[in-house]
């Protein structure tokens, strides 16, 4: 495996462990989902335009 394919941690030259990578990805995913949920909640509070139908499913 080349050095280009191994993620580096800061400036230490130590590769990140798989668990640490997964924790960082999960934290980023949770932050993105929280932002998306806030956007959807705000959009749900907005009045609907005439002719716009609610999709169920």
Protein backbone atom coordinates (compact mmCIF):
# COMPACT_ATOMS: atom_id res chain seq x y z
CA UNK A 1 0.00 0.00 0.00
CA UNK A 2 1.47 3.34 -0.98
CA UNK A 3 1.67 6.35 1.30
CA UNK A 4 -0.82 8.22 -0.90
CA UNK A 5 -3.61 5.76 -0.08
CA UNK A 6 -3.00 5.76 3.69
CA UNK A 7 -4.73 8.69 5.41
CA UNK A 8 -2.38 10.70 7.60
CA UNK A 9 -3.24 12.07 11.03
CA UNK A 10 -2.21 15.69 11.44
CA UNK A 11 1.52 16.16 11.01
CA UNK A 12 2.56 13.11 13.06
CA UNK A 13 2.98 10.79 10.07
CA UNK A 14 0.89 8.13 11.86
CA UNK A 15 -1.98 6.60 9.88
CA UNK A 16 -5.41 6.83 11.48
CA UNK A 17 -6.94 3.66 12.76
CA UNK A 18 -10.06 2.30 11.11
CA UNK A 19 -12.13 2.90 14.25
CA UNK A 20 -11.05 6.55 14.41
CA UNK A 21 -11.87 7.02 10.71
CA UNK A 22 -15.31 5.47 11.22
CA UNK A 23 -15.99 7.66 14.27
CA UNK A 24 -15.05 10.78 12.31
CA UNK A 25 -17.23 9.74 9.38
CA UNK A 26 -20.17 9.01 11.70
CA UNK A 27 -19.76 12.38 13.41
CA UNK A 28 -19.74 14.14 10.03
CA UNK A 29 -22.77 12.13 8.89
CA UNK A 30 -24.68 12.99 12.08
CA UNK A 31 -23.89 16.68 11.61
CA UNK A 32 -25.07 16.54 7.99
CA UNK A 33 -28.28 14.71 8.96
CA UNK A 34 -28.97 17.22 11.74
CA UNK A 35 -28.58 20.09 9.27
CA UNK A 36 -30.82 18.32 6.75
CA UNK A 37 -33.45 17.68 9.43
CA UNK A 38 -33.40 21.36 10.40
CA UNK A 39 -33.81 22.35 6.75
CA UNK A 40 -36.71 19.94 6.30
CA UNK A 41 -38.38 21.14 9.51
CA UNK A 42 -38.09 24.74 8.30
CA UNK A 43 -39.47 23.79 4.88
CA UNK A 44 -42.37 21.98 6.57
CA UNK A 45 -43.27 25.15 8.43
CA UNK A 46 -43.36 27.20 5.22
CA UNK A 47 -46.75 27.73 3.58
CA UNK A 48 -47.39 25.60 0.52
CA UNK A 49 -47.75 27.12 -2.91
CA UNK A 50 -51.08 26.74 -4.67
CA UNK A 51 -51.29 23.50 -6.64
CA UNK A 52 -48.61 21.80 -4.62
CA UNK A 53 -49.67 18.37 -3.41
CA UNK A 54 -48.33 16.50 -0.45
CA UNK A 55 -46.68 13.20 -1.32
CA UNK A 56 -47.40 10.27 0.94
CA UNK A 57 -45.19 7.25 0.94
